[in-house]
Amino acid sequence: MPRVQFGKVAHHGLLHRFEARVASYDVGAHKPEIAVFEAAREALDAETYVYVADNPPGDLDPAREAGFRCVHLDADADYPAVGDFDSLARLGELF
Protein backbone atom coordinates (compact mmCIF):
# COMPACT_ATOMS: atom_id res chain seq x y z
CA MET A 1 0.00 0.00 0.00
CA PRO A 2 2.85 2.54 0.39
CA ARG A 3 3.05 2.64 -3.41
CA VAL A 4 -0.59 3.75 -3.55
CA GLN A 5 -0.29 6.37 -0.82
CA PHE A 6 3.00 7.85 -2.00
CA GLY A 7 1.73 7.60 -5.58
CA LYS A 8 -1.04 10.07 -4.74
CA VAL A 9 1.53 12.59 -3.57
CA ALA A 10 3.87 11.88 -6.50
CA HIS A 11 0.98 12.30 -8.96
CA HIS A 12 0.66 15.91 -7.82
CA GLY A 13 4.42 16.54 -8.04
CA LEU A 14 4.83 16.92 -4.28
CA LEU A 15 6.89 13.87 -3.30
CA HIS A 16 10.15 15.84 -3.40
CA ARG A 17 8.83 18.25 -0.74
CA PHE A 18 8.98 15.60 1.98
CA GLU A 19 12.27 14.70 3.64
CA ALA A 20 10.80 11.56 5.16
CA ARG A 21 7.78 9.41 4.39
CA VAL A 22 6.41 6.66 6.59
CA ALA A 23 3.72 4.18 5.60
CA SER A 24 1.98 2.08 8.21
CA TYR A 25 2.60 -1.02 6.11
CA ASP A 26 6.35 -0.41 6.31
CA VAL A 27 6.14 -0.18 10.10
CA GLY A 28 4.03 -3.31 10.49
CA ALA A 29 1.39 -1.39 12.38
CA HIS A 30 -1.73 0.46 11.37
CA LYS A 31 -3.37 3.66 12.49
CA PRO A 32 -4.34 4.39 15.18
CA GLU A 33 -1.42 2.38 16.62
CA ILE A 34 1.19 4.69 18.11
CA ALA A 35 4.03 2.77 16.40
CA VAL A 36 3.20 4.52 13.12
CA PHE A 37 3.75 7.94 14.65
CA GLU A 38 6.84 6.85 16.58
CA ALA A 39 8.35 5.60 13.31
CA ALA A 40 7.78 9.01 11.75
CA ARG A 41 9.62 10.67 14.63
CA GLU A 42 12.50 8.21 14.23
CA ALA A 43 12.68 8.86 10.49
CA LEU A 44 13.04 12.61 10.89
CA ASP A 45 14.22 14.77 13.76
CA ALA A 46 11.99 17.83 13.79
CA GLU A 47 10.50 20.38 16.14
CA THR A 48 7.04 20.01 14.59
CA TYR A 49 5.43 17.02 12.94
CA VAL A 50 2.50 17.48 10.58
CA TYR A 51 0.10 14.75 9.57
CA VAL A 52 -2.05 15.20 6.46
CA ALA A 53 -5.04 12.92 5.88
CA ASP A 54 -8.65 12.76 4.80
CA ASN A 55 -10.24 10.71 7.58
CA PRO A 56 -10.55 12.69 10.84
CA PRO A 57 -11.66 9.99 13.27
CA GLY A 58 -9.46 7.24 11.87
CA ASP A 59 -6.37 9.22 10.94
CA LEU A 60 -6.25 12.68 12.40
CA ASP A 61 -7.52 12.04 15.91
CA PRO A 62 -4.78 9.45 16.70
CA ALA A 63 -2.12 11.71 15.12
CA ARG A 64 -3.24 14.64 17.24
CA GLU A 65 -3.12 12.44 20.35
CA ALA A 66 0.47 11.49 19.38
CA GLY A 67 1.42 15.19 19.32
CA PHE A 68 1.29 15.83 15.58
CA ARG A 69 -0.21 18.95 14.05
CA CYS A 70 -3.00 17.80 11.79
CA VAL A 71 -4.23 18.98 8.44
CA HIS A 72 -7.36 17.70 6.78
CA LEU A 73 -7.54 17.50 2.99
CA ASP A 74 -11.14 18.71 3.07
CA ALA A 75 -12.78 21.42 5.11
CA ASP A 76 -13.39 20.24 8.67
CA ALA A 77 -14.23 22.38 11.69
CA ASP A 78 -11.69 20.69 13.99
CA TYR A 79 -8.63 20.80 11.72
CA PRO A 80 -6.94 23.27 9.39
CA ALA A 81 -7.79 22.30 5.83
CA VAL A 82 -5.84 22.49 2.59
CA GLY A 83 -8.73 21.48 0.34
CA ASP A 84 -6.97 18.84 -1.77
CA PHE A 85 -3.56 17.57 -2.82
CA ASP A 86 -3.14 20.48 -5.22
CA SER A 87 -3.28 22.84 -2.24
CA LEU A 88 -0.69 21.11 -0.04
CA ALA A 89 1.72 23.92 -0.81
CA ARG A 90 -0.38 25.99 1.62
CA LEU A 91 0.87 23.96 4.59
CA GLY A 92 3.35 26.68 5.52
CA GLU A 93 0.50 29.19 5.82
CA LEU A 94 -1.42 27.01 8.27
CA PHE A 95 1.16 26.86 11.05
PDB file of N, CA and C in Angstrom:
ATOM      1  N   MET A   1       0.782  -1.224   0.000  1.00  0.00           N
ATOM      2  CA  MET A   1       0.000   0.000   0.000  1.00  0.00           C
ATOM      3  C   MET A   1       0.822   1.286   0.000  1.00  0.00           C
ATOM      4  N   PRO A   2       2.082   1.291   0.466  1.00  0.00           N
ATOM      5  CA  PRO A   2       2.846   2.543   0.394  1.00  0.00           C
ATOM      6  C   PRO A   2       2.908   3.088  -1.033  1.00  0.00           C
ATOM      7  N   ARG A   3       2.997   2.203  -2.017  1.00  0.00           N
ATOM      8  CA  ARG A   3       3.052   2.637  -3.410  1.00  0.00           C
ATOM      9  C   ARG A   3       1.808   3.464  -3.756  1.00  0.00           C
ATOM     10  N   VAL A   4       0.661   3.034  -3.263  1.00  0.00           N
ATOM     11  CA  VAL A   4      -0.586   3.750  -3.548  1.00  0.00           C
ATOM     12  C   VAL A   4      -0.584   5.107  -2.851  1.00  0.00           C
ATOM     13  N   GLN A   5      -0.257   5.121  -1.569  1.00  0.00           N
ATOM     14  CA  GLN A   5      -0.292   6.373  -0.815  1.00  0.00           C
ATOM     15  C   GLN A   5       0.728   7.373  -1.324  1.00  0.00           C
ATOM     16  N   PHE A   6       1.976   6.937  -1.514  1.00  0.00           N
ATOM     17  CA  PHE A   6       3.001   7.850  -2.004  1.00  0.00           C
ATOM     18  C   PHE A   6       2.748   8.202  -3.460  1.00  0.00           C
ATOM     19  N   GLY A   7       2.084   7.328  -4.192  1.00  0.00           N
ATOM     20  CA  GLY A   7       1.732   7.599  -5.576  1.00  0.00           C
ATOM     21  C   GLY A   7       0.785   8.781  -5.698  1.00  0.00           C
ATOM     22  N   LYS A   8      -0.124   8.923  -4.732  1.00  0.00           N
ATOM     23  CA  LYS A   8      -1.040  10.071  -4.743  1.00  0.00           C
ATOM     24  C   LYS A   8      -0.259  11.371  -4.645  1.00  0.00           C
ATOM     25  N   VAL A   9       0.725  11.393  -3.773  1.00  0.00           N
ATOM     26  CA  VAL A   9       1.532  12.589  -3.569  1.00  0.00           C
ATOM     27  C   VAL A   9       2.416  12.832  -4.800  1.00  0.00           C
ATOM     28  N   ALA A  10       3.015  11.769  -5.324  1.00  0.00           N
ATOM     29  CA  ALA A  10       3.868  11.883  -6.504  1.00  0.00           C
ATOM     30  C   ALA A  10       3.068  12.374  -7.712  1.00  0.00           C
ATOM     31  N   HIS A  11       1.841  11.899  -7.842  1.00  0.00           N
ATOM     32  CA  HIS A  11       0.976  12.304  -8.959  1.00  0.00           C
ATOM     33  C   HIS A  11       0.820  13.823  -9.033  1.00  0.00           C
ATOM     34  N   HIS A  12       0.836  14.458  -7.880  1.00  0.00           N
ATOM     35  CA  HIS A  12       0.665  15.909  -7.824  1.00  0.00           C
ATOM     36  C   HIS A  12       2.001  16.648  -7.771  1.00  0.00           C
ATOM     37  N   GLY A  13       3.104  15.913  -7.997  1.00  0.00           N
ATOM     38  CA  GLY A  13       4.416  16.544  -8.042  1.00  0.00           C
ATOM     39  C   GLY A  13       4.921  17.051  -6.706  1.00  0.00           C
ATOM     40  N   LEU A  14       4.471  16.426  -5.613  1.00  0.00           N
ATOM     41  CA  LEU A  14       4.831  16.915  -4.283  1.00  0.00           C
ATOM     42  C   LEU A  14       5.779  15.992  -3.519  1.00  0.00           C
ATOM     43  N   LEU A  15       6.091  14.852  -4.047  1.00  0.00           N
ATOM     44  CA  LEU A  15       6.892  13.870  -3.303  1.00  0.00           C
ATOM     45  C   LEU A  15       8.239  14.454  -2.877  1.00  0.00           C
ATOM     46  N   HIS A  16       8.843  15.264  -3.708  1.00  0.00           N
ATOM     47  CA  HIS A  16      10.155  15.838  -3.401  1.00  0.00           C
ATOM     48  C   HIS A  16      10.114  16.822  -2.233  1.00  0.00           C
ATOM     49  N   ARG A  17       8.952  17.273  -1.840  1.00  0.00           N
ATOM     50  CA  ARG A  17       8.829  18.245  -0.742  1.00  0.00           C
ATOM     51  C   ARG A  17       8.924  17.614   0.641  1.00  0.00           C
ATOM     52  N   PHE A  18       8.951  16.295   0.706  1.00  0.00           N
ATOM     53  CA  PHE A  18       8.980  15.604   1.979  1.00  0.00           C
ATOM     54  C   PHE A  18      10.334  14.951   2.199  1.00  0.00           C
ATOM     55  N   GLU A  19      10.977  15.283   3.313  1.00  0.00           N
ATOM     56  CA  GLU A  19      12.275  14.699   3.636  1.00  0.00           C
ATOM     57  C   GLU A  19      12.137  13.255   4.089  1.00  0.00           C
ATOM     58  N   ALA A  20      11.027  12.928   4.681  1.00  0.00           N
ATOM     59  CA  ALA A  20      10.799  11.561   5.156  1.00  0.00           C
ATOM     60  C   ALA A  20       9.343  11.197   4.903  1.00  0.00           C
ATOM     61  N   ARG A  21       9.131   9.922   4.595  1.00  0.00           N
ATOM     62  CA  ARG A  21       7.777   9.413   4.388  1.00  0.00           C
ATOM     63  C   ARG A  21       7.687   8.083   5.117  1.00  0.00           C
ATOM     64  N   VAL A  22       6.607   7.896   5.844  1.00  0.00           N
ATOM     65  CA  VAL A  22       6.408   6.660   6.590  1.00  0.00           C
ATOM     66  C   VAL A  22       5.030   6.111   6.243  1.00  0.00           C
ATOM     67  N   ALA A  23       4.993   4.864   5.855  1.00  0.00           N
ATOM     68  CA  ALA A  23       3.722   4.183   5.597  1.00  0.00           C
ATOM     69  C   ALA A  23       3.506   3.147   6.683  1.00  0.00           C
ATOM     70  N   SER A  24       2.282   3.033   7.133  1.00  0.00           N
ATOM     71  CA  SER A  24       1.985   2.081   8.212  1.00  0.00           C
ATOM     72  C   SER A  24       2.379   0.664   7.830  1.00  0.00           C
ATOM     73  N   TYR A  25       2.240   0.326   6.564  1.00  0.00           N
ATOM     74  CA  TYR A  25       2.600  -1.023   6.113  1.00  0.00           C
ATOM     75  C   TYR A  25       4.091  -1.288   6.280  1.00  0.00           C
ATOM     76  N   ASP A  26       4.906  -0.258   6.128  1.00  0.00           N
ATOM     77  CA  ASP A  26       6.346  -0.411   6.311  1.00  0.00           C
ATOM     78  C   ASP A  26       6.701  -0.631   7.776  1.00  0.00           C
ATOM     79  N   VAL A  27       5.896  -0.090   8.661  1.00  0.00           N
ATOM     80  CA  VAL A  27       6.142  -0.185  10.098  1.00  0.00           C
ATOM     81  C   VAL A  27       5.620  -1.503  10.661  1.00  0.00           C
ATOM     82  N   GLY A  28       4.663  -2.097   9.978  1.00  0.00           N
ATOM     83  CA  GLY A  28       4.035  -3.313  10.490  1.00  0.00           C
ATOM     84  C   GLY A  28       2.966  -3.016  11.521  1.00  0.00           C
ATOM     85  N   ALA A  29       2.460  -1.813  11.478  1.00  0.00           N
ATOM     86  CA  ALA A  29       1.388  -1.387  12.380  1.00  0.00           C
ATOM     87  C   ALA A  29       0.418  -0.562  11.547  1.00  0.00           C
ATOM     88  N   HIS A  30      -0.734  -0.319  12.089  1.00  0.00           N
ATOM     89  CA  HIS A  30      -1.730   0.460  11.367  1.00  0.00           C
ATOM     90  C   HIS A  30      -2.337   1.490  12.295  1.00  0.00           C
ATOM     91  N   LYS A  31      -2.714   2.626  11.701  1.00  0.00           N
ATOM     92  CA  LYS A  31      -3.366   3.663  12.490  1.00  0.00           C
ATOM     93  C   LYS A  31      -4.634   3.072  13.103  1.00  0.00           C
ATOM     94  N   PRO A  32      -4.898   3.364  14.318  1.00  0.00           N
ATOM     95  CA  PRO A  32      -4.341   4.395  15.184  1.00  0.00           C
ATOM     96  C   PRO A  32      -3.195   3.921  16.092  1.00  0.00           C
ATOM     97  N   GLU A  33      -2.515   2.852  15.773  1.00  0.00           N
ATOM     98  CA  GLU A  33      -1.423   2.378  16.617  1.00  0.00           C
ATOM     99  C   GLU A  33      -0.307   3.421  16.683  1.00  0.00           C
ATOM    100  N   ILE A  34       0.181   3.653  17.875  1.00  0.00           N
ATOM    101  CA  ILE A  34       1.189   4.685  18.108  1.00  0.00           C
ATOM    102  C   ILE A  34       2.497   4.390  17.379  1.00  0.00           C
ATOM    103  N   ALA A  35       2.780   3.136  17.064  1.00  0.00           N
ATOM    104  CA  ALA A  35       4.034   2.769  16.395  1.00  0.00           C
ATOM    105  C   ALA A  35       4.209   3.502  15.071  1.00  0.00           C
ATOM    106  N   VAL A  36       3.132   3.795  14.388  1.00  0.00           N
ATOM    107  CA  VAL A  36       3.200   4.517  13.118  1.00  0.00           C
ATOM    108  C   VAL A  36       3.777   5.918  13.349  1.00  0.00           C
ATOM    109  N   PHE A  37       3.308   6.580  14.364  1.00  0.00           N
ATOM    110  CA  PHE A  37       3.749   7.939  14.646  1.00  0.00           C
ATOM    111  C   PHE A  37       5.151   7.955  15.242  1.00  0.00           C
ATOM    112  N   GLU A  38       5.487   6.968  16.038  1.00  0.00           N
ATOM    113  CA  GLU A  38       6.841   6.848  16.578  1.00  0.00           C
ATOM    114  C   GLU A  38       7.844   6.623  15.447  1.00  0.00           C
ATOM    115  N   ALA A  39       7.475   5.840  14.455  1.00  0.00           N
ATOM    116  CA  ALA A  39       8.352   5.599  13.305  1.00  0.00           C
ATOM    117  C   ALA A  39       8.603   6.893  12.541  1.00  0.00           C
ATOM    118  N   ALA A  40       7.606   7.726  12.431  1.00  0.00           N
ATOM    119  CA  ALA A  40       7.779   9.010  11.753  1.00  0.00           C
ATOM    120  C   ALA A  40       8.773   9.877  12.516  1.00  0.00           C
ATOM    121  N   ARG A  41       8.678   9.889  13.826  1.00  0.00           N
ATOM    122  CA  ARG A  41       9.623  10.667  14.631  1.00  0.00           C
ATOM    123  C   ARG A  41      11.043  10.127  14.491  1.00  0.00           C
ATOM    124  N   GLU A  42      11.177   8.818  14.408  1.00  0.00           N
ATOM    125  CA  GLU A  42      12.500   8.215  14.234  1.00  0.00           C
ATOM    126  C   GLU A  42      13.076   8.507  12.850  1.00  0.00           C
ATOM    127  N   ALA A  43      12.223   8.622  11.856  1.00  0.00           N
ATOM    128  CA  ALA A  43      12.682   8.858  10.486  1.00  0.00           C
ATOM    129  C   ALA A  43      13.169  10.287  10.273  1.00  0.00           C
ATOM    130  N   LEU A  44      12.703  11.206  11.092  1.00  0.00           N
ATOM    131  CA  LEU A  44      13.041  12.607  10.889  1.00  0.00           C
ATOM    132  C   LEU A  44      13.031  13.344  12.224  1.00  0.00           C
ATOM    133  N   ASP A  45      14.138  13.967  12.547  1.00  0.00           N
ATOM    134  CA  ASP A  45      14.225  14.768  13.765  1.00  0.00           C
ATOM    135  C   ASP A  45      13.688  16.161  13.443  1.00  0.00           C
ATOM    136  N   ALA A  46      12.610  16.538  14.081  1.00  0.00           N
ATOM    137  CA  ALA A  46      11.988  17.832  13.786  1.00  0.00           C
ATOM    138  C   ALA A  46      11.381  18.421  15.048  1.00  0.00           C
ATOM    139  N   GLU A  47      11.177  19.718  15.033  1.00  0.00           N
ATOM    140  CA  GLU A  47      10.497  20.377  16.143  1.00  0.00           C
ATOM    141  C   GLU A  47       8.992  20.172  16.055  1.00  0.00           C
ATOM    142  N   THR A  48       8.478  20.143  14.830  1.00  0.00           N
ATOM    143  CA  THR A  48       7.045  20.014  14.594  1.00  0.00           C
ATOM    144  C   THR A  48       6.803  18.916  13.578  1.00  0.00           C
ATOM    145  N   TYR A  49       5.834  18.077  13.865  1.00  0.00           N
ATOM    146  CA  TYR A  49       5.433  17.020  12.943  1.00  0.00           C
ATOM    147  C   TYR A  49       4.021  17.324  12.469  1.00  0.00           C
ATOM    148  N   VAL A  50       3.806  17.198  11.166  1.00  0.00           N
ATOM    149  CA  VAL A  50       2.502  17.484  10.577  1.00  0.00           C
ATOM    150  C   VAL A  50       1.990  16.224   9.907  1.00  0.00           C
ATOM    151  N   TYR A  51       0.741  15.920  10.155  1.00  0.00           N
ATOM    152  CA  TYR A  51       0.096  14.749   9.572  1.00  0.00           C
ATOM    153  C   TYR A  51      -1.038  15.226   8.679  1.00  0.00           C
ATOM    154  N   VAL A  52      -1.021  14.800   7.431  1.00  0.00           N
ATOM    155  CA  VAL A  52      -2.047  15.197   6.462  1.00  0.00           C
ATOM    156  C   VAL A  52      -2.861  13.965   6.102  1.00  0.00           C
ATOM    157  N   ALA A  53      -4.175  14.066   6.173  1.00  0.00           N
ATOM    158  CA  ALA A  53      -5.035  12.921   5.878  1.00  0.00           C
ATOM    159  C   ALA A  53      -6.427  13.390   5.506  1.00  0.00           C
ATOM    160  N   ASP A  54      -7.284  12.417   5.196  1.00  0.00           N
ATOM    161  CA  ASP A  54      -8.649  12.760   4.801  1.00  0.00           C
ATOM    162  C   ASP A  54      -9.708  12.075   5.657  1.00  0.00           C
ATOM    163  N   ASN A  55      -9.311  11.449   6.745  1.00  0.00           N
ATOM    164  CA  ASN A  55     -10.245  10.708   7.579  1.00  0.00           C
ATOM    165  C   ASN A  55     -10.065  11.136   9.036  1.00  0.00           C
ATOM    166  N   PRO A  56     -10.785  12.173   9.492  1.00  0.00           N
ATOM    167  CA  PRO A  56     -10.554  12.689  10.841  1.00  0.00           C
ATOM    168  C   PRO A  56     -10.607  11.659  11.958  1.00  0.00           C
ATOM    169  N   PRO A  57     -11.662  10.895  12.115  1.00  0.00           N
ATOM    170  CA  PRO A  57     -11.662   9.993  13.270  1.00  0.00           C
ATOM    171  C   PRO A  57     -10.585   8.906  13.181  1.00  0.00           C
ATOM    172  N   GLY A  58     -10.386   8.352  12.001  1.00  0.00           N
ATOM    173  CA  GLY A  58      -9.457   7.237  11.871  1.00  0.00           C
ATOM    174  C   GLY A  58      -8.008   7.633  11.745  1.00  0.00           C
ATOM    175  N   ASP A  59      -7.739   8.794  11.181  1.00  0.00           N
ATOM    176  CA  ASP A  59      -6.367   9.217  10.944  1.00  0.00           C
ATOM    177  C   ASP A  59      -5.934  10.388  11.815  1.00  0.00           C
ATOM    178  N   LEU A  60      -6.687  11.447  11.768  1.00  0.00           N
ATOM    179  CA  LEU A  60      -6.249  12.682  12.400  1.00  0.00           C
ATOM    180  C   LEU A  60      -6.355  12.669  13.911  1.00  0.00           C
ATOM    181  N   ASP A  61      -7.388  12.076  14.455  1.00  0.00           N
ATOM    182  CA  ASP A  61      -7.519  12.045  15.912  1.00  0.00           C
ATOM    183  C   ASP A  61      -6.342  11.314  16.566  1.00  0.00           C
ATOM    184  N   PRO A  62      -5.946  10.123  16.095  1.00  0.00           N
ATOM    185  CA  PRO A  62      -4.780   9.454  16.696  1.00  0.00           C
ATOM    186  C   PRO A  62      -3.482  10.246  16.501  1.00  0.00           C
ATOM    187  N   ALA A  63      -3.322  10.901  15.362  1.00  0.00           N
ATOM    188  CA  ALA A  63      -2.123  11.705  15.124  1.00  0.00           C
ATOM    189  C   ALA A  63      -2.064  12.880  16.094  1.00  0.00           C
ATOM    190  N   ARG A  64      -3.184  13.523  16.296  1.00  0.00           N
ATOM    191  CA  ARG A  64      -3.237  14.644  17.244  1.00  0.00           C
ATOM    192  C   ARG A  64      -2.888  14.153  18.647  1.00  0.00           C
ATOM    193  N   GLU A  65      -3.427  13.010  19.033  1.00  0.00           N
ATOM    194  CA  GLU A  65      -3.121  12.444  20.349  1.00  0.00           C
ATOM    195  C   GLU A  65      -1.638  12.108  20.488  1.00  0.00           C
ATOM    196  N   ALA A  66      -0.966  11.809  19.372  1.00  0.00           N
ATOM    197  CA  ALA A  66       0.465  11.489  19.384  1.00  0.00           C
ATOM    198  C   ALA A  66       1.324  12.760  19.322  1.00  0.00           C
ATOM    199  N   GLY A  67       0.696  13.931  19.298  1.00  0.00           N
ATOM    200  CA  GLY A  67       1.423  15.191  19.323  1.00  0.00           C
ATOM    201  C   GLY A  67       1.714  15.798  17.971  1.00  0.00           C
ATOM    202  N   PHE A  68       1.096  15.287  16.916  1.00  0.00           N
ATOM    203  CA  PHE A  68       1.292  15.830  15.583  1.00  0.00           C
ATOM    204  C   PHE A  68       0.307  16.976  15.336  1.00  0.00           C
ATOM    205  N   ARG A  69       0.725  17.948  14.550  1.00  0.00           N
ATOM    206  CA  ARG A  69      -0.214  18.946  14.053  1.00  0.00           C
ATOM    207  C   ARG A  69      -0.932  18.280  12.893  1.00  0.00           C
ATOM    208  N   CYS A  70      -2.197  18.516  12.782  1.00  0.00           N
ATOM    209  CA  CYS A  70      -3.000  17.796  11.792  1.00  0.00           C
ATOM    210  C   CYS A  70      -3.612  18.734  10.762  1.00  0.00           C
ATOM    211  N   VAL A  71      -3.627  18.253   9.541  1.00  0.00           N
ATOM    212  CA  VAL A  71      -4.226  18.977   8.436  1.00  0.00           C
ATOM    213  C   VAL A  71      -5.161  18.030   7.708  1.00  0.00           C
ATOM    214  N   HIS A  72      -6.343  18.494   7.465  1.00  0.00           N
ATOM    215  CA  HIS A  72      -7.356  17.703   6.775  1.00  0.00           C
ATOM    216  C   HIS A  72      -7.382  18.125   5.312  1.00  0.00           C
ATOM    217  N   LEU A  73      -7.509  17.167   4.416  1.00  0.00           N
ATOM    218  CA  LEU A  73      -7.542  17.497   2.989  1.00  0.00           C
ATOM    219  C   LEU A  73      -8.833  18.188   2.574  1.00  0.00           C
ATOM    220  N   ASP A  74      -9.872  18.040   3.353  1.00  0.00           N
ATOM    221  CA  ASP A  74     -11.138  18.710   3.068  1.00  0.00           C
ATOM    222  C   ASP A  74     -11.483  19.607   4.250  1.00  0.00           C
ATOM    223  N   ALA A  75     -12.388  20.519   4.032  1.00  0.00           N
ATOM    224  CA  ALA A  75     -12.784  21.417   5.113  1.00  0.00           C
ATOM    225  C   ALA A  75     -13.389  20.630   6.266  1.00  0.00           C
ATOM    226  N   ASP A  76     -12.905  20.909   7.464  1.00  0.00           N
ATOM    227  CA  ASP A  76     -13.390  20.242   8.668  1.00  0.00           C
ATOM    228  C   ASP A  76     -13.236  21.232   9.818  1.00  0.00           C
ATOM    229  N   ALA A  77     -14.235  21.366  10.636  1.00  0.00           N
ATOM    230  CA  ALA A  77     -14.227  22.377  11.688  1.00  0.00           C
ATOM    231  C   ALA A  77     -13.114  22.183  12.706  1.00  0.00           C
ATOM    232  N   ASP A  78     -12.674  20.956  12.940  1.00  0.00           N
ATOM    233  CA  ASP A  78     -11.694  20.695  13.991  1.00  0.00           C
ATOM    234  C   ASP A  78     -10.247  20.741  13.527  1.00  0.00           C
ATOM    235  N   TYR A  79      -9.990  20.844  12.247  1.00  0.00           N
ATOM    236  CA  TYR A  79      -8.629  20.802  11.723  1.00  0.00           C
ATOM    237  C   TYR A  79      -8.436  21.857  10.647  1.00  0.00           C
ATOM    238  N   PRO A  80      -7.222  22.414  10.551  1.00  0.00           N
ATOM    239  CA  PRO A  80      -6.940  23.266   9.389  1.00  0.00           C
ATOM    240  C   PRO A  80      -7.115  22.431   8.131  1.00  0.00           C
ATOM    241  N   ALA A  81      -7.537  23.047   7.059  1.00  0.00           N
ATOM    242  CA  ALA A  81      -7.785  22.304   5.829  1.00  0.00           C
ATOM    243  C   ALA A  81      -6.998  22.901   4.669  1.00  0.00           C
ATOM    244  N   VAL A  82      -6.523  22.036   3.797  1.00  0.00           N
ATOM    245  CA  VAL A  82      -5.841  22.495   2.591  1.00  0.00           C
ATOM    246  C   VAL A  82      -6.689  22.290   1.351  1.00  0.00           C
ATOM    247  N   GLY A  83      -7.804  21.632   1.469  1.00  0.00           N
ATOM    248  CA  GLY A  83      -8.729  21.480   0.345  1.00  0.00           C
ATOM    249  C   GLY A  83      -8.495  20.227  -0.467  1.00  0.00           C
ATOM    250  N   ASP A  84      -7.273  20.031  -0.971  1.00  0.00           N
ATOM    251  CA  ASP A  84      -6.967  18.845  -1.766  1.00  0.00           C
ATOM    252  C   ASP A  84      -5.454  18.764  -1.951  1.00  0.00           C
ATOM    253  N   PHE A  85      -4.999  17.740  -2.622  1.00  0.00           N
ATOM    254  CA  PHE A  85      -3.564  17.569  -2.820  1.00  0.00           C
ATOM    255  C   PHE A  85      -2.945  18.748  -3.560  1.00  0.00           C
ATOM    256  N   ASP A  86      -3.679  19.348  -4.474  1.00  0.00           N
ATOM    257  CA  ASP A  86      -3.140  20.477  -5.218  1.00  0.00           C
ATOM    258  C   ASP A  86      -2.861  21.672  -4.318  1.00  0.00           C
ATOM    259  N   SER A  87      -3.449  21.704  -3.144  1.00  0.00           N
ATOM    260  CA  SER A  87      -3.284  22.835  -2.236  1.00  0.00           C
ATOM    261  C   SER A  87      -2.288  22.561  -1.111  1.00  0.00           C
ATOM    262  N   LEU A  88      -1.612  21.423  -1.122  1.00  0.00           N
ATOM    263  CA  LEU A  88      -0.688  21.106  -0.036  1.00  0.00           C
ATOM    264  C   LEU A  88       0.419  22.136   0.122  1.00  0.00           C
ATOM    265  N   ALA A  89       0.710  22.878  -0.906  1.00  0.00           N
ATOM    266  CA  ALA A  89       1.724  23.917  -0.810  1.00  0.00           C
ATOM    267  C   ALA A  89       1.346  24.956   0.243  1.00  0.00           C
ATOM    268  N   ARG A  90       0.091  25.035   0.601  1.00  0.00           N
ATOM    269  CA  ARG A  90      -0.381  25.988   1.615  1.00  0.00           C
ATOM    270  C   ARG A  90      -0.014  25.572   3.037  1.00  0.00           C
ATOM    271  N   LEU A  91       0.570  24.424   3.244  1.00  0.00           N
ATOM    272  CA  LEU A  91       0.871  23.955   4.595  1.00  0.00           C
ATOM    273  C   LEU A  91       1.623  25.003   5.401  1.00  0.00           C
ATOM    274  N   GLY A  92       2.572  25.665   4.807  1.00  0.00           N
ATOM    275  CA  GLY A  92       3.345  26.680   5.517  1.00  0.00           C
ATOM    276  C   GLY A  92       2.488  27.811   6.040  1.00  0.00           C
ATOM    277  N   GLU A  93       1.406  28.109   5.390  1.00  0.00           N
ATOM    278  CA  GLU A  93       0.502  29.185   5.815  1.00  0.00           C
ATOM    279  C   GLU A  93      -0.340  28.779   7.020  1.00  0.00           C
ATOM    280  N   LEU A  94      -0.510  27.487   7.226  1.00  0.00           N
ATOM    281  CA  LEU A  94      -1.425  27.012   8.266  1.00  0.00           C
ATOM    282  C   LEU A  94      -0.802  27.013   9.659  1.00  0.00           C
ATOM    283  N   PHE A  95       0.519  26.978   9.739  1.00  0.00           N
ATOM    284  CA  PHE A  95       1.161  26.864  11.050  1.00  0.00           C
ATOM    285  C   PHE A  95       2.135  27.987  11.286  1.00  0.00           C
TER     286      PHE A  95
END
